[in-house]
Amino acid sequence: MTLPDYTVRPSMARHGRFVAAIVIDSIGTGVFIPVSMLYFLATTPLTLVQVGAALTTAGLLALPVGPLVGGLVDRYGTQPVLQAANLAQALGFAGYLVVDRAWQIALCAWLNSAGRAVFFGCYGAAVTALAAPGGRERWFGLLGSVRNLGYALGGLLTAVAVGFGTHGVYAAIVVVNALSCLAAFVLMRAVPNVRPEAGRDAAGGWRRVLRDVRYLSVVAHQLCFAISLFALNVAIPVYAVDVLGLPGWTAGAVFTLNTLMVGFGQGAVVGRLSGRVRSRVLVAGHACCATGYLLFLAADRVTALALAVGVVLLGALVYTLGEILGGPVTSTVAAESAPEALRGRYLALNQLAVSIAGAVAPAALSGLLSAGAAAIWLTLVGVSALGAALATLIGEAVPAARSRIGGVPGRSSPGGP
């Protein structure tokens, strides 16, 4: 019997430009996201409500774009679609330099949101095509690490720049974003465009995707995991500062801890997980997230300020471990559960779950937070419990989920040809 190869490592020599494009893109994103609202308030006569409404409208209108692009990936490959996403974002950021009305912000923000939706809609397909079977968790782990470090570096640069607070500095931030998208566009030209071979596996199109019950369970699991991921930016900072009354630096410390742990630890953790059953790792990830939520709830019962800060940071550490465990494995299971000829459509549907979670998380989590600490954290514990149950289900029903990390998959589709 031949044992699986658990030692496959990403090759920087072969795909360095793809990694560089991801790094540049993430730095640009990290530069702008923290100041997006501040930028429009400083450079336009619009109110906070008007800006927020324009950005929300753009995000909602961009939701259908991801699934629509799945067919393009299956037909033309990932390279031209990734380049189109970079170009759309570059145009959107360039437009930010001249907008002064709500509809103009909505239009340019839609280009950016649609570009991000397209990018992440075919990102998993691109990684799967470039990475050898047996090394995909390592690739998703590596790219997740560099993206987090890019976000952190971008955020640090923004913190320094915003200290000056001038119109010119805000404009420079937008220009940096536009240039980062153009740089990623150029680098993506060197990425091999692996196109699936047409054949009987391509029959059925979207109808086949939507009738694949076992893959729909993979998408449902992705939705649960994505909701947990959005808790970091939406709920945890507000809870720590406004509800618990902790010092403002606590929110920054939580974000920094998360970023550094994912950035420097995810690759090492994935390497040590080689040979583990994927579904069991996913269950462990949800268990860590749930434990983190219970620690956040416990912090509401602590009266000593220093101890409350410590409990929150401990909760963030355990929660981040859940993100590290679940992220690369979730992406790999979604990618390897899709037939090659329809992988673009399958992964576009999986990414739609992430987009939906991102759209509903601010309102849903804010509403729960306003209802009290127990309401939000016990609800999120329930989400993690549901995610663990779904992970167990797909571990029994989906071949890619019951295989081992680092192993070469024997089948690529849960539903078969």
Foldseek 3Di string as FASTA:
>chain_A
DDDFDQPDADDCVQCVLLLVLLLLLLLLVLQQPVCVLVLLVLPAVDDSVLQVVLLLLLLVVLLVLLLVCLVVCLVFFLLVLLLQLLQLLLVLLVQSVDDHHSPSPSVSSNSNNNSVSSNQLCVLVLLVVVDDFLHQLLSLLQSQQSSLVSSVNSNVVNVVLCVVVDNVSSNVSSNSNSVSSVSSSVSSVPRDGDHDDDDPLLPPAPNVLVPQVLLVLLLLLLLLVLLLVVCLVAPLLCCQCVVLVADNCLNVVLSVLLSCCSNPPLSVVLSVQFFPQQLVLLLQLLVLSLVLLVLLLVLSVDDDRVVSSVSNSVSSNSNSVSCSSNRSSSSQLQQQQGDSSSSSNSSSSSVSSSSVSVSCNNVVLVVQVVVDSCSNSVVSNVSSVVSSVSSVVSCVQGQSNRGGRSGRGPGRHSVHD
